[in-house]
C-alpha atoms as a PDB file:
ATOM      1  CA  MET A   1      -6.917   2.795   2.610  1.00  0.00           C
ATOM      2  CA  HIS A   2      -9.520   0.681   0.809  1.00  0.00           C
ATOM      3  CA  LEU A   3      -9.955   1.143  -2.943  1.00  0.00           C
ATOM      4  CA  GLU A   4     -11.999  -0.799  -5.457  1.00  0.00           C
ATOM      5  CA  LEU A   5     -10.180  -1.270  -8.755  1.00  0.00           C
ATOM      6  CA  LYS A   6     -11.668  -1.946 -12.189  1.00  0.00           C
ATOM      7  CA  LEU A   7     -10.260  -4.572 -14.498  1.00  0.00           C
ATOM      8  CA  ARG A   8     -10.049  -3.352 -18.083  1.00  0.00           C
ATOM      9  CA  ARG A   9      -9.034  -4.945 -21.346  1.00  0.00           C
ATOM     10  CA  VAL A  10      -5.647  -3.748 -22.625  1.00  0.00           C
ATOM     11  CA  GLY A  11      -4.988  -5.432 -25.969  1.00  0.00           C
ATOM     12  CA  ASN A  12      -5.081  -9.190 -25.346  1.00  0.00           C
ATOM     13  CA  SER A  13      -4.545  -8.750 -21.599  1.00  0.00           C
ATOM     14  CA  ILE A  14      -6.482  -7.474 -18.617  1.00  0.00           C
ATOM     15  CA  GLY A  15      -5.133  -4.463 -16.707  1.00  0.00           C
ATOM     16  CA  VAL A  16      -5.874  -2.733 -13.429  1.00  0.00           C
ATOM     17  CA  VAL A  17      -6.327   1.035 -13.355  1.00  0.00           C
ATOM     18  CA  LEU A  18      -4.833   2.588 -10.222  1.00  0.00           C
ATOM     19  CA  PRO A  19      -6.390   5.837  -9.009  1.00  0.00           C
ATOM     20  CA  LYS A  20      -4.224   8.924  -8.418  1.00  0.00           C
ATOM     21  CA  LYS A  21      -4.478   8.422  -4.654  1.00  0.00           C
ATOM     22  CA  ALA A  22      -2.936   4.933  -4.921  1.00  0.00           C
ATOM     23  CA  LEU A  23      -0.210   6.139  -7.295  1.00  0.00           C
ATOM     24  CA  ALA A  24       0.673   8.954  -4.907  1.00  0.00           C
ATOM     25  CA  HIS A  25       0.885   6.456  -2.031  1.00  0.00           C
ATOM     26  CA  LEU A  26       3.182   4.211  -4.126  1.00  0.00           C
ATOM     27  CA  LYS A  27       5.161   7.259  -5.326  1.00  0.00           C
ATOM     28  CA  SER A  28       4.769   5.857  -8.843  1.00  0.00           C
ATOM     29  CA  GLY A  29       3.421   7.082 -12.142  1.00  0.00           C
ATOM     30  CA  GLU A  30       2.857   6.126 -15.763  1.00  0.00           C
ATOM     31  CA  GLY A  31       5.643   3.913 -17.083  1.00  0.00           C
ATOM     32  CA  ASP A  32       6.966   2.955 -13.632  1.00  0.00           C
ATOM     33  CA  THR A  33       7.196  -0.666 -12.550  1.00  0.00           C
ATOM     34  CA  VAL A  34       5.380  -2.033  -9.505  1.00  0.00           C
ATOM     35  CA  ILE A  35       5.819  -5.415  -7.876  1.00  0.00           C
ATOM     36  CA  LEU A  36       2.878  -7.734  -7.118  1.00  0.00           C
ATOM     37  CA  THR A  37       3.814 -10.091  -4.277  1.00  0.00           C
ATOM     38  CA  GLU A  38       1.698 -12.999  -3.059  1.00  0.00           C
ATOM     39  CA  THR A  39       1.275 -13.030   0.730  1.00  0.00           C
ATOM     40  CA  PRO A  40      -0.638 -15.375   3.049  1.00  0.00           C
ATOM     41  CA  ASP A  41      -3.386 -12.723   3.247  1.00  0.00           C
ATOM     42  CA  GLY A  42      -3.646 -12.054  -0.503  1.00  0.00           C
ATOM     43  CA  TYR A  43      -1.485  -9.826  -2.691  1.00  0.00           C
ATOM     44  CA  ARG A  44       0.643  -6.759  -2.023  1.00  0.00           C
ATOM     45  CA  VAL A  45       1.595  -4.063  -4.551  1.00  0.00           C
ATOM     46  CA  THR A  46       4.853  -2.212  -3.923  1.00  0.00           C
ATOM     47  CA  PRO A  47       6.976   0.154  -5.983  1.00  0.00           C
ATOM     48  CA  HIS A  48       9.868  -1.353  -7.922  1.00  0.00           C
ATOM     49  CA  SER A  49      13.142  -1.364  -6.022  1.00  0.00           C
ATOM     50  CA  PRO A  50      16.370  -2.049  -7.959  1.00  0.00           C
ATOM     51  CA  GLU A  51      18.102  -3.122  -4.725  1.00  0.00           C
ATOM     52  CA  PHE A  52      15.326  -5.628  -3.977  1.00  0.00           C
ATOM     53  CA  ALA A  53      15.486  -6.971  -7.537  1.00  0.00           C
ATOM     54  CA  LYS A  54      19.237  -7.514  -7.179  1.00  0.00           C
ATOM     55  CA  THR A  55      18.730  -9.254  -3.825  1.00  0.00           C
ATOM     56  CA  MET A  56      16.066 -11.551  -5.298  1.00  0.00           C
ATOM     57  CA  ALA A  57      18.365 -12.452  -8.215  1.00  0.00           C
ATOM     58  CA  VAL A  58      21.073 -13.491  -5.736  1.00  0.00           C
ATOM     59  CA  PHE A  59      18.519 -15.490  -3.733  1.00  0.00           C
ATOM     60  CA  ALA A  60      17.260 -17.261  -6.874  1.00  0.00           C
ATOM     61  CA  SER A  61      20.824 -18.230  -7.777  1.00  0.00           C
ATOM     62  CA  LEU A  62      21.569 -19.544  -4.279  1.00  0.00           C
ATOM     63  CA  ASN A  63      18.210 -21.285  -4.087  1.00  0.00           C
ATOM     64  CA  ARG A  64      18.970 -23.227  -7.273  1.00  0.00           C
ATOM     65  CA  ARG A  65      22.514 -24.082  -6.191  1.00  0.00           C
ATOM     66  CA  TYR A  66      21.632 -25.172  -2.639  1.00  0.00           C
ATOM     67  CA  ARG A  67      18.104 -26.492  -3.208  1.00  0.00           C
ATOM     68  CA  ASN A  68      18.707 -29.859  -1.524  1.00  0.00           C
ATOM     69  CA  THR A  69      20.566 -28.334   1.421  1.00  0.00           C
ATOM     70  CA  LEU A  70      17.796 -25.794   2.025  1.00  0.00           C
ATOM     71  CA  ARG A  71      15.176 -28.543   1.803  1.00  0.00           C
ATOM     72  CA  GLU A  72      17.021 -30.580   4.465  1.00  0.00           C
ATOM     73  CA  LEU A  73      17.411 -27.559   6.745  1.00  0.00           C
ATOM     74  CA  ALA A  74      13.688 -26.848   6.471  1.00  0.00           C
ATOM     75  CA  LYS A  75      12.778 -30.239   7.957  1.00  0.00           C
END
């Protein structure tokens, strides 16, 4: 699926309007949260997942605690 999206002013910010086709694909609607993730190829939009959010919170905590260890393992 290839869709062109318009950027529109929303107050002091800029927003993206998603067409109905994209919302149906995401299984999302007005008021729902979506996640914008940076990838090597660009960006990816996915529906919000409470389980994923919990997993990322645990990762962030471990990443802070074991920053130096992870850096050494990455060498």
